[in-house]
C-alpha atoms as a PDB file:
ATOM      1  CA  MET A   1      -0.064   0.021  -0.059  1.00  0.00           C
ATOM      2  CA  ASP A   2       1.346   3.394  -0.996  1.00  0.00           C
ATOM      3  CA  LYS A   3       1.908   5.856   1.991  1.00  0.00           C
ATOM      4  CA  ASN A   4       1.954   9.508   2.892  1.00  0.00           C
ATOM      5  CA  TYR A   5       5.088  11.096   4.327  1.00  0.00           C
ATOM      6  CA  HIS A   6       4.820  14.234   6.333  1.00  0.00           C
ATOM      7  CA  VAL A   7       8.018  16.622   6.719  1.00  0.00           C
ATOM      8  CA  PHE A   8       7.707  19.041   9.580  1.00  0.00           C
ATOM      9  CA  SER A   9      11.463  20.237   9.744  1.00  0.00           C
ATOM     10  CA  ASP A  10      12.828  23.389   8.314  1.00  0.00           C
ATOM     11  CA  GLY A  11      15.736  23.131   5.964  1.00  0.00           C
ATOM     12  CA  ARG A  12      15.743  21.584   2.367  1.00  0.00           C
ATOM     13  CA  ILE A  13      14.280  18.539   0.635  1.00  0.00           C
ATOM     14  CA  GLU A  14      16.419  17.130  -2.251  1.00  0.00           C
ATOM     15  CA  ARG A  15      16.790  14.149  -4.607  1.00  0.00           C
ATOM     16  CA  ASN A  16      19.635  12.120  -3.485  1.00  0.00           C
ATOM     17  CA  ASP A  17      20.365   9.563  -6.206  1.00  0.00           C
ATOM     18  CA  ASP A  18      17.280   7.281  -6.383  1.00  0.00           C
ATOM     19  CA  THR A  19      15.867   8.503  -3.201  1.00  0.00           C
ATOM     20  CA  VAL A  20      14.877  11.765  -1.355  1.00  0.00           C
ATOM     21  CA  ARG A  21      16.369  13.082   1.809  1.00  0.00           C
ATOM     22  CA  VAL A  22      15.640  16.104   4.127  1.00  0.00           C
ATOM     23  CA  VAL A  23      18.506  17.943   5.318  1.00  0.00           C
ATOM     24  CA  THR A  24      17.475  19.925   8.454  1.00  0.00           C
ATOM     25  CA  GLU A  25      18.846  23.431   9.303  1.00  0.00           C
ATOM     26  CA  ASP A  26      21.246  21.781  11.831  1.00  0.00           C
ATOM     27  CA  GLY A  27      22.548  19.390   9.185  1.00  0.00           C
ATOM     28  CA  GLU A  28      20.655  16.176  10.275  1.00  0.00           C
ATOM     29  CA  LYS A  29      19.871  14.043   7.129  1.00  0.00           C
ATOM     30  CA  LYS A  30      16.703  11.927   6.789  1.00  0.00           C
ATOM     31  CA  TYR A  31      15.706   9.775   4.021  1.00  0.00           C
ATOM     32  CA  VAL A  32      12.180   9.184   2.632  1.00  0.00           C
ATOM     33  CA  PRO A  33      11.392   5.619   1.188  1.00  0.00           C
ATOM     34  CA  ILE A  34       9.981   6.953  -2.062  1.00  0.00           C
ATOM     35  CA  GLU A  35       9.383   3.823  -3.825  1.00  0.00           C
ATOM     36  CA  ASN A  36       6.238   3.099  -1.889  1.00  0.00           C
ATOM     37  CA  ALA A  37       5.223   6.988  -1.268  1.00  0.00           C
ATOM     38  CA  GLU A  38       1.696   8.223  -2.440  1.00  0.00           C
ATOM     39  CA  ALA A  39       2.571  11.787  -1.567  1.00  0.00           C
ATOM     40  CA  LEU A  40       4.857  13.990   0.304  1.00  0.00           C
ATOM     41  CA  TYR A  41       3.334  16.645   2.672  1.00  0.00           C
ATOM     42  CA  LEU A  42       5.670  19.535   3.558  1.00  0.00           C
ATOM     43  CA  HIS A  43       4.615  21.449   6.869  1.00  0.00           C
ATOM     44  CA  GLY A  44       8.088  23.192   7.524  1.00  0.00           C
ATOM     45  CA  GLN A  45       9.780  26.088   5.862  1.00  0.00           C
ATOM     46  CA  ILE A  46      11.551  23.896   3.406  1.00  0.00           C
ATOM     47  CA  ASP A  47      13.345  24.523   0.086  1.00  0.00           C
ATOM     48  CA  PHE A  48      13.174  22.360  -2.796  1.00  0.00           C
ATOM     49  CA  ASN A  49      14.180  22.817  -6.648  1.00  0.00           C
ATOM     50  CA  THR A  50      13.330  21.622 -10.153  1.00  0.00           C
ATOM     51  CA  ARG A  51      15.672  18.634  -9.859  1.00  0.00           C
ATOM     52  CA  LEU A  52      13.330  17.185  -6.985  1.00  0.00           C
ATOM     53  CA  MET A  53      10.294  18.071  -8.658  1.00  0.00           C
ATOM     54  CA  SER A  54      11.314  16.155 -11.984  1.00  0.00           C
ATOM     55  CA  PHE A  55      12.350  13.077  -9.861  1.00  0.00           C
ATOM     56  CA  LEU A  56       8.946  13.143  -8.107  1.00  0.00           C
ATOM     57  CA  ASN A  57       7.049  13.387 -11.366  1.00  0.00           C
ATOM     58  CA  ASP A  58       9.033  10.182 -12.625  1.00  0.00           C
ATOM     59  CA  GLN A  59       8.227   8.461  -9.630  1.00  0.00           C
ATOM     60  CA  GLY A  60       4.513   9.540  -9.687  1.00  0.00           C
ATOM     61  CA  VAL A  61       4.625  10.996  -6.114  1.00  0.00           C
ATOM     62  CA  ALA A  62       2.671  14.149  -5.425  1.00  0.00           C
ATOM     63  CA  MET A  63       3.899  17.082  -3.101  1.00  0.00           C
ATOM     64  CA  HIS A  64       1.509  18.876  -1.163  1.00  0.00           C
ATOM     65  CA  VAL A  65       2.813  22.285   0.453  1.00  0.00           C
ATOM     66  CA  PHE A  66       1.309  23.783   3.405  1.00  0.00           C
ATOM     67  CA  GLY A  67       2.330  27.446   3.859  1.00  0.00           C
ATOM     68  CA  TRP A  68       2.136  30.278   6.547  1.00  0.00           C
ATOM     69  CA  GLU A  69      -0.159  29.110   9.290  1.00  0.00           C
ATOM     70  CA  ASP A  70      -0.017  25.540   7.958  1.00  0.00           C
ATOM     71  CA  TYR A  71      -2.632  26.696   5.346  1.00  0.00           C
ATOM     72  CA  TYR A  72      -2.721  24.356   2.288  1.00  0.00           C
ATOM     73  CA  ALA A  73      -0.787  26.473  -0.297  1.00  0.00           C
ATOM     74  CA  GLY A  74      -0.849  24.095  -3.292  1.00  0.00           C
ATOM     75  CA  SER A  75       0.109  20.845  -4.784  1.00  0.00           C
ATOM     76  CA  ILE A  76       2.800  19.769  -7.244  1.00  0.00           C
ATOM     77  CA  MET A  77       1.129  16.940  -9.062  1.00  0.00           C
ATOM     78  CA  PRO A  78       2.919  14.247 -11.233  1.00  0.00           C
ATOM     79  CA  LYS A  79       1.900  13.644 -14.706  1.00  0.00           C
ATOM     80  CA  ARG A  80      -1.458  11.751 -15.041  1.00  0.00           C
ATOM     81  CA  GLY A  81      -1.225   7.957 -15.032  1.00  0.00           C
ATOM     82  CA  GLN A  82      -4.376   8.280 -17.287  1.00  0.00           C
ATOM     83  CA  THR A  83      -5.380  10.837 -19.757  1.00  0.00           C
ATOM     84  CA  SER A  84      -8.831  10.922 -21.578  1.00  0.00           C
ATOM     85  CA  GLY A  85     -10.062  13.803 -23.539  1.00  0.00           C
ATOM     86  CA  ARG A  86     -13.584  11.858 -23.555  1.00  0.00           C
ATOM     87  CA  THR A  87     -13.703  12.043 -19.833  1.00  0.00           C
ATOM     88  CA  VAL A  88     -12.924  15.657 -19.619  1.00  0.00           C
ATOM     89  CA  VAL A  89     -15.465  16.341 -22.250  1.00  0.00           C
ATOM     90  CA  SER A  90     -18.096  14.469 -20.441  1.00  0.00           C
ATOM     91  CA  GLN A  91     -16.988  16.301 -17.164  1.00  0.00           C
ATOM     92  CA  VAL A  92     -17.581  19.572 -18.961  1.00  0.00           C
ATOM     93  CA  ARG A  93     -20.934  18.521 -20.403  1.00  0.00           C
ATOM     94  CA  ALA A  94     -22.331  17.478 -17.033  1.00  0.00           C
ATOM     95  CA  TYR A  95     -21.335  20.913 -15.478  1.00  0.00           C
ATOM     96  CA  ASP A  96     -22.881  22.787 -18.484  1.00  0.00           C
ATOM     97  CA  ASP A  97     -26.098  20.693 -18.199  1.00  0.00           C
ATOM     98  CA  THR A  98     -27.960  22.407 -15.307  1.00  0.00           C
ATOM     99  CA  SER A  99     -30.082  19.489 -14.459  1.00  0.00           C
ATOM    100  CA  HIS A 100     -27.185  16.965 -14.478  1.00  0.00           C
ATOM    101  CA  ARG A 101     -25.173  19.197 -12.300  1.00  0.00           C
ATOM    102  CA  ARG A 102     -27.885  19.691  -9.844  1.00  0.00           C
ATOM    103  CA  ARG A 103     -28.366  15.990  -9.650  1.00  0.00           C
ATOM    104  CA  LEU A 104     -24.767  15.420  -8.706  1.00  0.00           C
ATOM    105  CA  ALA A 105     -24.651  18.369  -6.335  1.00  0.00           C
ATOM    106  CA  ALA A 106     -27.648  17.025  -4.685  1.00  0.00           C
ATOM    107  CA  ALA A 107     -26.044  13.574  -4.438  1.00  0.00           C
ATOM    108  CA  ILE A 108     -23.038  15.092  -2.786  1.00  0.00           C
ATOM    109  CA  VAL A 109     -24.800  17.018  -0.098  1.00  0.00           C
ATOM    110  CA  SER A 110     -26.967  14.048   0.609  1.00  0.00           C
ATOM    111  CA  GLY A 111     -23.715  11.976   1.338  1.00  0.00           C
ATOM    112  CA  SER A 112     -22.254  14.704   3.213  1.00  0.00           C
ATOM    113  CA  ILE A 113     -25.171  15.220   5.513  1.00  0.00           C
ATOM    114  CA  HIS A 114     -25.507  11.369   5.962  1.00  0.00           C
ATOM    115  CA  ASN A 115     -21.766  11.123   7.034  1.00  0.00           C
ATOM    116  CA  MET A 116     -22.078  13.886   9.524  1.00  0.00           C
ATOM    117  CA  ARG A 117     -25.348  12.361  10.940  1.00  0.00           C
ATOM    118  CA  THR A 118     -23.565   8.909  11.361  1.00  0.00           C
ATOM    119  CA  ASN A 119     -21.018  10.660  13.615  1.00  0.00           C
ATOM    120  CA  VAL A 120     -23.674  12.171  15.646  1.00  0.00           C
ATOM    121  CA  VAL A 121     -25.827   9.077  16.080  1.00  0.00           C
ATOM    122  CA  TYR A 122     -22.603   7.330  17.111  1.00  0.00           C
ATOM    123  CA  TYR A 123     -21.905   9.657  20.019  1.00  0.00           C
ATOM    124  CA  ASN A 124     -25.510   9.994  20.746  1.00  0.00           C
ATOM    125  CA  GLY A 125     -25.397   6.295  21.706  1.00  0.00           C
ATOM    126  CA  ARG A 126     -22.470   7.027  24.007  1.00  0.00           C
ATOM    127  CA  GLY A 127     -23.911   9.284  26.726  1.00  0.00           C
ATOM    128  CA  CYS A 128     -24.167  12.427  24.743  1.00  0.00           C
ATOM    129  CA  GLU A 129     -27.665  14.317  24.393  1.00  0.00           C
ATOM    130  CA  LEU A 130     -27.750  14.802  20.472  1.00  0.00           C
ATOM    131  CA  ASP A 131     -31.237  13.858  19.745  1.00  0.00           C
ATOM    132  CA  GLN A 132     -32.166  17.415  18.580  1.00  0.00           C
ATOM    133  CA  ILE A 133     -29.170  17.717  16.353  1.00  0.00           C
ATOM    134  CA  ILE A 134     -29.945  14.369  14.657  1.00  0.00           C
ATOM    135  CA  ASP A 135     -33.461  15.674  13.945  1.00  0.00           C
ATOM    136  CA  ASP A 136     -31.898  18.936  12.485  1.00  0.00           C
ATOM    137  CA  LEU A 137     -29.745  16.799  10.335  1.00  0.00           C
ATOM    138  CA  GLU A 138     -32.631  14.598   9.111  1.00  0.00           C
ATOM    139  CA  ALA A 139     -34.604  17.638   8.425  1.00  0.00           C
ATOM    140  CA  ALA A 140     -31.880  19.157   6.370  1.00  0.00           C
ATOM    141  CA  ALA A 141     -31.521  15.843   4.358  1.00  0.00           C
ATOM    142  CA  GLU A 142     -35.221  15.789   3.489  1.00  0.00           C
ATOM    143  CA  ARG A 143     -34.750  19.309   1.959  1.00  0.00           C
ATOM    144  CA  VAL A 144     -32.080  18.125  -0.642  1.00  0.00           C
ATOM    145  CA  GLU A 145     -33.862  17.676  -3.863  1.00  0.00           C
ATOM    146  CA  LYS A 146     -32.241  17.270  -7.398  1.00  0.00           C
ATOM    147  CA  ASN A 147     -34.194  19.923  -8.729  1.00  0.00           C
ATOM    148  CA  LEU A 148     -32.650  22.548  -6.375  1.00  0.00           C
ATOM    149  CA  ALA A 149     -30.482  25.221  -7.561  1.00  0.00           C
ATOM    150  CA  VAL A 150     -26.787  24.559  -6.788  1.00  0.00           C
ATOM    151  CA  ASP A 151     -26.572  27.589  -4.522  1.00  0.00           C
ATOM    152  CA  GLU A 152     -29.716  26.390  -2.532  1.00  0.00           C
ATOM    153  CA  LEU A 153     -28.062  23.150  -2.040  1.00  0.00           C
ATOM    154  CA  MET A 154     -25.022  24.774  -0.622  1.00  0.00           C
ATOM    155  CA  GLY A 155     -27.323  26.522   1.751  1.00  0.00           C
ATOM    156  CA  VAL A 156     -28.763  23.392   2.942  1.00  0.00           C
ATOM    157  CA  GLU A 157     -25.314  21.847   3.275  1.00  0.00           C
ATOM    158  CA  ALA A 158     -24.395  24.856   5.178  1.00  0.00           C
ATOM    159  CA  THR A 159     -27.339  24.725   7.484  1.00  0.00           C
ATOM    160  CA  ALA A 160     -26.675  21.028   8.172  1.00  0.00           C
ATOM    161  CA  ARG A 161     -23.085  21.662   8.846  1.00  0.00           C
ATOM    162  CA  LYS A 162     -23.809  24.416  11.475  1.00  0.00           C
ATOM    163  CA  ALA A 163     -26.132  21.948  13.092  1.00  0.00           C
ATOM    164  CA  TYR A 164     -23.568  19.386  12.984  1.00  0.00           C
ATOM    165  CA  TYR A 165     -20.723  21.560  14.772  1.00  0.00           C
ATOM    166  CA  GLN A 166     -23.163  22.079  17.581  1.00  0.00           C
ATOM    167  CA  SER A 167     -22.640  18.509  18.597  1.00  0.00           C
ATOM    168  CA  PHE A 168     -18.833  19.121  19.184  1.00  0.00           C
ATOM    169  CA  ASN A 169     -19.319  20.652  22.527  1.00  0.00           C
ATOM    170  CA  GLU A 170     -21.145  17.628  23.651  1.00  0.00           C
ATOM    171  CA  ILE A 171     -18.640  15.194  22.202  1.00  0.00           C
ATOM    172  CA  LEU A 172     -15.315  16.878  23.083  1.00  0.00           C
ATOM    173  CA  PRO A 173     -14.054  17.472  26.663  1.00  0.00           C
ATOM    174  CA  PRO A 174     -14.667  20.756  28.475  1.00  0.00           C
ATOM    175  CA  SER A 175     -11.197  21.868  27.503  1.00  0.00           C
ATOM    176  CA  PHE A 176     -12.061  21.791  23.757  1.00  0.00           C
ATOM    177  CA  GLN A 177     -15.031  23.840  22.959  1.00  0.00           C
ATOM    178  CA  LEU A 178     -16.447  25.168  19.759  1.00  0.00           C
ATOM    179  CA  SER A 179     -18.728  28.410  19.846  1.00  0.00           C
ATOM    180  CA  ARG A 180     -18.747  28.526  16.136  1.00  0.00           C
ATOM    181  CA  ARG A 181     -16.913  27.650  13.032  1.00  0.00           C
ATOM    182  CA  GLU A 182     -14.259  30.224  12.189  1.00  0.00           C
ATOM    183  CA  TYR A 183     -11.062  30.407  10.068  1.00  0.00           C
ATOM    184  CA  ASN A 184      -8.564  32.748   8.086  1.00  0.00           C
ATOM    185  CA  PRO A 185      -7.148  32.387  10.873  1.00  0.00           C
ATOM    186  CA  PRO A 186      -8.634  30.014  13.258  1.00  0.00           C
ATOM    187  CA  PRO A 187      -9.189  31.672  16.764  1.00  0.00           C
ATOM    188  CA  ASN A 188      -9.119  28.741  19.061  1.00  0.00           C
ATOM    189  CA  GLU A 189      -8.026  24.913  19.325  1.00  0.00           C
ATOM    190  CA  VAL A 190     -11.001  23.183  17.973  1.00  0.00           C
ATOM    191  CA  ASN A 191     -11.077  25.504  14.866  1.00  0.00           C
ATOM    192  CA  SER A 192      -7.432  24.920  14.200  1.00  0.00           C
ATOM    193  CA  LEU A 193      -8.053  21.151  14.462  1.00  0.00           C
ATOM    194  CA  ILE A 194     -10.907  21.147  12.191  1.00  0.00           C
ATOM    195  CA  SER A 195      -8.961  23.410   9.549  1.00  0.00           C
ATOM    196  CA  PHE A 196      -5.862  21.281   9.486  1.00  0.00           C
ATOM    197  CA  GLY A 197      -7.752  17.998   9.186  1.00  0.00           C
ATOM    198  CA  ASN A 198      -9.965  19.299   6.382  1.00  0.00           C
ATOM    199  CA  SER A 199      -6.793  20.629   4.459  1.00  0.00           C
ATOM    200  CA  LEU A 200      -5.248  16.870   4.709  1.00  0.00           C
ATOM    201  CA  VAL A 201      -8.541  15.410   3.408  1.00  0.00           C
ATOM    202  CA  TYR A 202      -8.565  17.810   0.605  1.00  0.00           C
ATOM    203  CA  ALA A 203      -5.008  17.135  -0.495  1.00  0.00           C
ATOM    204  CA  ASN A 204      -5.700  13.290  -0.289  1.00  0.00           C
ATOM    205  CA  CYS A 205      -8.644  13.971  -2.527  1.00  0.00           C
ATOM    206  CA  THR A 206      -6.365  15.725  -4.960  1.00  0.00           C
ATOM    207  CA  SER A 207      -4.112  12.878  -5.226  1.00  0.00           C
ATOM    208  CA  ALA A 208      -6.997  10.420  -5.489  1.00  0.00           C
ATOM    209  CA  ILE A 209      -8.497  12.362  -8.453  1.00  0.00           C
ATOM    210  CA  ARG A 210      -5.293  12.595 -10.139  1.00  0.00           C
ATOM    211  CA  ALA A 211      -4.982   8.909 -10.146  1.00  0.00           C
ATOM    212  CA  THR A 212      -7.917   8.936 -12.652  1.00  0.00           C
ATOM    213  CA  ALA A 213      -8.534  10.684 -16.010  1.00  0.00           C
ATOM    214  CA  LEU A 214     -10.909  13.307 -14.261  1.00  0.00           C
ATOM    215  CA  ASP A 215      -9.863  16.885 -14.223  1.00  0.00           C
ATOM    216  CA  PRO A 216      -9.859  18.163 -10.426  1.00  0.00           C
ATOM    217  CA  THR A 217     -10.917  21.740 -11.604  1.00  0.00           C
ATOM    218  CA  ILE A 218     -14.339  20.807 -12.915  1.00  0.00           C
ATOM    219  CA  SER A 219     -16.918  20.174 -10.240  1.00  0.00           C
ATOM    220  CA  TYR A 220     -20.511  20.317  -9.495  1.00  0.00           C
ATOM    221  CA  LEU A 221     -21.251  21.432  -5.891  1.00  0.00           C
ATOM    222  CA  HIS A 222     -18.584  24.005  -5.657  1.00  0.00           C
ATOM    223  CA  GLU A 223     -18.347  26.446  -8.326  1.00  0.00           C
ATOM    224  CA  PRO A 224     -15.038  25.905 -10.425  1.00  0.00           C
ATOM    225  CA  GLY A 225     -12.408  28.673  -9.564  1.00  0.00           C
ATOM    226  CA  GLU A 226      -8.939  29.929 -10.826  1.00  0.00           C
ATOM    227  CA  ARG A 227      -6.727  28.805  -7.768  1.00  0.00           C
ATOM    228  CA  ARG A 228      -8.230  25.593  -6.340  1.00  0.00           C
ATOM    229  CA  TYR A 229      -9.014  21.999  -7.229  1.00  0.00           C
ATOM    230  CA  SER A 230     -12.977  22.355  -6.941  1.00  0.00           C
ATOM    231  CA  LEU A 231     -13.658  18.773  -7.314  1.00  0.00           C
ATOM    232  CA  SER A 232     -11.401  17.931  -4.520  1.00  0.00           C
ATOM    233  CA  LEU A 233     -13.735  20.141  -2.357  1.00  0.00           C
ATOM    234  CA  ASP A 234     -16.676  18.272  -3.641  1.00  0.00           C
ATOM    235  CA  ILE A 235     -15.313  14.940  -2.786  1.00  0.00           C
ATOM    236  CA  ALA A 236     -13.640  16.068   0.506  1.00  0.00           C
ATOM    237  CA  ASP A 237     -17.159  17.106   1.774  1.00  0.00           C
ATOM    238  CA  LEU A 238     -18.011  13.352   1.966  1.00  0.00           C
ATOM    239  CA  PHE A 239     -14.840  12.338   3.884  1.00  0.00           C
ATOM    240  CA  LYS A 240     -14.197  15.194   6.266  1.00  0.00           C
ATOM    241  CA  PRO A 241     -16.821  13.784   8.796  1.00  0.00           C
ATOM    242  CA  VAL A 242     -15.622   9.938   8.373  1.00  0.00           C
ATOM    243  CA  ILE A 243     -11.714  10.957   8.682  1.00  0.00           C
ATOM    244  CA  ALA A 244     -10.720  14.358   9.741  1.00  0.00           C
ATOM    245  CA  ASP A 245     -13.386  14.724  12.436  1.00  0.00           C
ATOM    246  CA  ARG A 246     -13.334  11.350  13.912  1.00  0.00           C
ATOM    247  CA  VAL A 247      -9.430  11.789  14.323  1.00  0.00           C
ATOM    248  CA  LEU A 248     -10.260  15.063  16.079  1.00  0.00           C
ATOM    249  CA  PHE A 249     -12.483  13.472  18.445  1.00  0.00           C
ATOM    250  CA  ARG A 250     -10.187  10.659  19.334  1.00  0.00           C
ATOM    251  CA  LEU A 251      -7.264  12.583  19.834  1.00  0.00           C
ATOM    252  CA  CYS A 252      -9.193  15.101  22.200  1.00  0.00           C
ATOM    253  CA  ASN A 253     -11.019  12.674  24.097  1.00  0.00           C
ATOM    254  CA  ARG A 254      -7.961  10.543  24.690  1.00  0.00           C
ATOM    255  CA  ASN A 255      -5.949  13.576  25.855  1.00  0.00           C
ATOM    256  CA  GLN A 256      -3.448  12.760  23.123  1.00  0.00           C
ATOM    257  CA  ILE A 257      -3.794  16.520  21.954  1.00  0.00           C
ATOM    258  CA  THR A 258      -3.565  19.138  24.784  1.00  0.00           C
ATOM    259  CA  ALA A 259      -3.443  22.906  25.080  1.00  0.00           C
ATOM    260  CA  ASP A 260       0.403  22.461  24.781  1.00  0.00           C
ATOM    261  CA  ASP A 261       0.125  21.357  21.279  1.00  0.00           C
ATOM    262  CA  PHE A 262      -1.004  25.025  20.168  1.00  0.00           C
ATOM    263  CA  GLU A 263       0.569  28.327  19.751  1.00  0.00           C
ATOM    264  CA  THR A 264      -1.495  31.450  19.902  1.00  0.00           C
ATOM    265  CA  GLU A 265      -0.247  34.761  18.676  1.00  0.00           C
ATOM    266  CA  LEU A 266      -1.983  37.587  16.483  1.00  0.00           C
ATOM    267  CA  GLU A 267      -5.377  36.593  17.382  1.00  0.00           C
ATOM    268  CA  SER A 268      -4.942  33.039  15.783  1.00  0.00           C
ATOM    269  CA  CYS A 269      -4.533  29.812  17.269  1.00  0.00           C
ATOM    270  CA  LEU A 270      -2.512  26.977  15.348  1.00  0.00           C
ATOM    271  CA  LEU A 271      -1.154  23.459  15.987  1.00  0.00           C
ATOM    272  CA  ASN A 272       2.803  23.805  16.953  1.00  0.00           C
ATOM    273  CA  GLU A 273       5.106  21.058  15.430  1.00  0.00           C
ATOM    274  CA  GLN A 274       4.249  18.610  18.027  1.00  0.00           C
ATOM    275  CA  GLY A 275       0.407  19.085  17.589  1.00  0.00           C
ATOM    276  CA  ARG A 276       0.869  18.680  13.716  1.00  0.00           C
ATOM    277  CA  GLN A 277       3.006  15.396  14.139  1.00  0.00           C
ATOM    278  CA  THR A 278       0.415  13.926  16.564  1.00  0.00           C
ATOM    279  CA  TYR A 279      -2.435  14.726  14.364  1.00  0.00           C
ATOM    280  CA  SER A 280      -0.787  13.739  11.279  1.00  0.00           C
ATOM    281  CA  LYS A 281       0.225  10.391  12.657  1.00  0.00           C
ATOM    282  CA  GLU A 282      -3.363   9.491  13.857  1.00  0.00           C
ATOM    283  CA  PHE A 283      -4.669  10.620  10.490  1.00  0.00           C
ATOM    284  CA  GLU A 284      -2.368   8.293   8.441  1.00  0.00           C
ATOM    285  CA  LYS A 285      -3.133   5.365  10.662  1.00  0.00           C
ATOM    286  CA  THR A 286      -6.920   6.203   9.877  1.00  0.00           C
ATOM    287  CA  LEU A 287      -6.087   6.113   6.158  1.00  0.00           C
ATOM    288  CA  GLU A 288      -4.486   2.790   6.393  1.00  0.00           C
ATOM    289  CA  ARG A 289      -7.522   1.149   8.310  1.00  0.00           C
ATOM    290  CA  THR A 290      -9.839  -1.074   6.162  1.00  0.00           C
ATOM    291  CA  VAL A 291     -13.316  -1.951   6.137  1.00  0.00           C
ATOM    292  CA  ASP A 292     -15.377  -4.696   4.261  1.00  0.00           C
ATOM    293  CA  HIS A 293     -16.604  -3.125   1.055  1.00  0.00           C
ATOM    294  CA  PRO A 294     -20.169  -4.446   0.360  1.00  0.00           C
ATOM    295  CA  ASN A 295     -19.852  -4.293  -3.405  1.00  0.00           C
ATOM    296  CA  LEU A 296     -16.194  -4.973  -3.916  1.00  0.00           C
ATOM    297  CA  LYS A 297     -16.327  -7.949  -1.484  1.00  0.00           C
ATOM    298  CA  ARG A 298     -13.022  -7.321  -0.142  1.00  0.00           C
ATOM    299  CA  LYS A 299     -11.328  -5.178   2.428  1.00  0.00           C
ATOM    300  CA  VAL A 300     -10.410  -1.660   1.385  1.00  0.00           C
ATOM    301  CA  SER A 301      -8.594   1.206   3.148  1.00  0.00           C
ATOM    302  CA  TYR A 302     -10.082   4.602   3.978  1.00  0.00           C
ATOM    303  CA  GLN A 303      -7.490   5.916   1.410  1.00  0.00           C
ATOM    304  CA  TYR A 304      -8.686   3.801  -1.299  1.00  0.00           C
ATOM    305  CA  LEU A 305     -12.412   4.767  -0.718  1.00  0.00           C
ATOM    306  CA  MET A 306     -11.335   8.327  -1.770  1.00  0.00           C
ATOM    307  CA  ARG A 307      -9.989   7.099  -4.945  1.00  0.00           C
ATOM    308  CA  LEU A 308     -12.795   4.764  -5.629  1.00  0.00           C
ATOM    309  CA  GLU A 309     -15.145   7.778  -5.256  1.00  0.00           C
ATOM    310  CA  ALA A 310     -13.355   9.536  -8.072  1.00  0.00           C
ATOM    311  CA  TYR A 311     -13.688   6.335 -10.182  1.00  0.00           C
ATOM    312  CA  LYS A 312     -17.355   5.900  -9.406  1.00  0.00           C
ATOM    313  CA  LEU A 313     -17.823   9.559 -10.739  1.00  0.00           C
ATOM    314  CA  LYS A 314     -15.978   8.916 -13.680  1.00  0.00           C
ATOM    315  CA  LYS A 315     -17.826   5.836 -14.370  1.00  0.00           C
ATOM    316  CA  HIS A 316     -21.116   7.723 -14.000  1.00  0.00           C
ATOM    317  CA  LEU A 317     -20.108  10.420 -16.494  1.00  0.00           C
ATOM    318  CA  LEU A 318     -18.780   7.858 -19.160  1.00  0.00           C
ATOM    319  CA  THR A 319     -21.634   5.328 -18.758  1.00  0.00           C
ATOM    320  CA  GLY A 320     -24.501   7.000 -17.461  1.00  0.00           C
ATOM    321  CA  GLU A 321     -24.563   4.521 -14.382  1.00  0.00           C
ATOM    322  CA  LYS A 322     -26.261   6.244 -11.467  1.00  0.00           C
ATOM    323  CA  TYR A 323     -23.830   7.964  -9.112  1.00  0.00           C
ATOM    324  CA  GLU A 324     -24.156   7.004  -5.438  1.00  0.00           C
ATOM    325  CA  PRO A 325     -22.249   9.135  -3.289  1.00  0.00           C
ATOM    326  CA  PHE A 326     -19.999   7.716  -0.460  1.00  0.00           C
ATOM    327  CA  LYS A 327     -22.214   7.016   2.647  1.00  0.00           C
ATOM    328  CA  ARG A 328     -20.673   5.286   5.657  1.00  0.00           C
ATOM    329  CA  TRP A 329     -22.163   1.913   6.108  1.00  0.00           C
ATOM    330  CA  TRP A 330     -20.085   0.488   9.163  1.00  0.00           C
END
């Protein structure tokens, strides 16, 4: 199974013969086993050059860069393993067809709300009082109609997510509380954890899409933009509750993340290096977990579920087979 590797050290990352090494500011050298890498995640202040980029391209390894305040800054993607003009044309036609786009957007919102509700139901059965939030999510799900305009669907999803975030204060310990969702920059610990986790899900979805012939800039729920992979945003909405939020809940409730893992300055609260390492380690462990897939009749990893979602969308666009969004079943 291909793995993700996270680099937190400041310094330089470079090609070294047939592998990659990180040279820290104090001269320490660390090697990355590139032969089984899916992607590199650069979190520190780290330099790299075109020689490294060319090598990663030849190896088919993506590099995701996180800049100031650990915001996702961008990705350097390898050449596609698959290219298909037919697939891209089908993507664009579905986007231009108002009815088709609405159906796909509605499916994504429906899946997103389902996966948020799954988390709330899980914790409602473990001592939390979340019946009202479950009702609110079910009410939002009932408002999802394939004939709604895309901006209306975005509104339904936003309403559901606002209700969903109200469950965090019941699920999390008193030392981690969420008054409301805020970012740019996050003002407190929970907002910081949500933002960091969501950015990792987004980057993983970008890698998953790249493995197919889909164009990551052509999307259906989120409006395509100039500076983002909007299809990654679509698919990430399905997986943020299942991966990022569950990692957040586990780490906080097990006291594996504490106030010592954050630094506060200029009205922002961000994970420090230790906190990012702790979160990323648990995040990668989650990606490697496997579940029995009811259709494939075999175990698949959480990471593969994201790639499978891209393949499902591609198959729908090319064959017309109904697109069923990822909905957690276990």
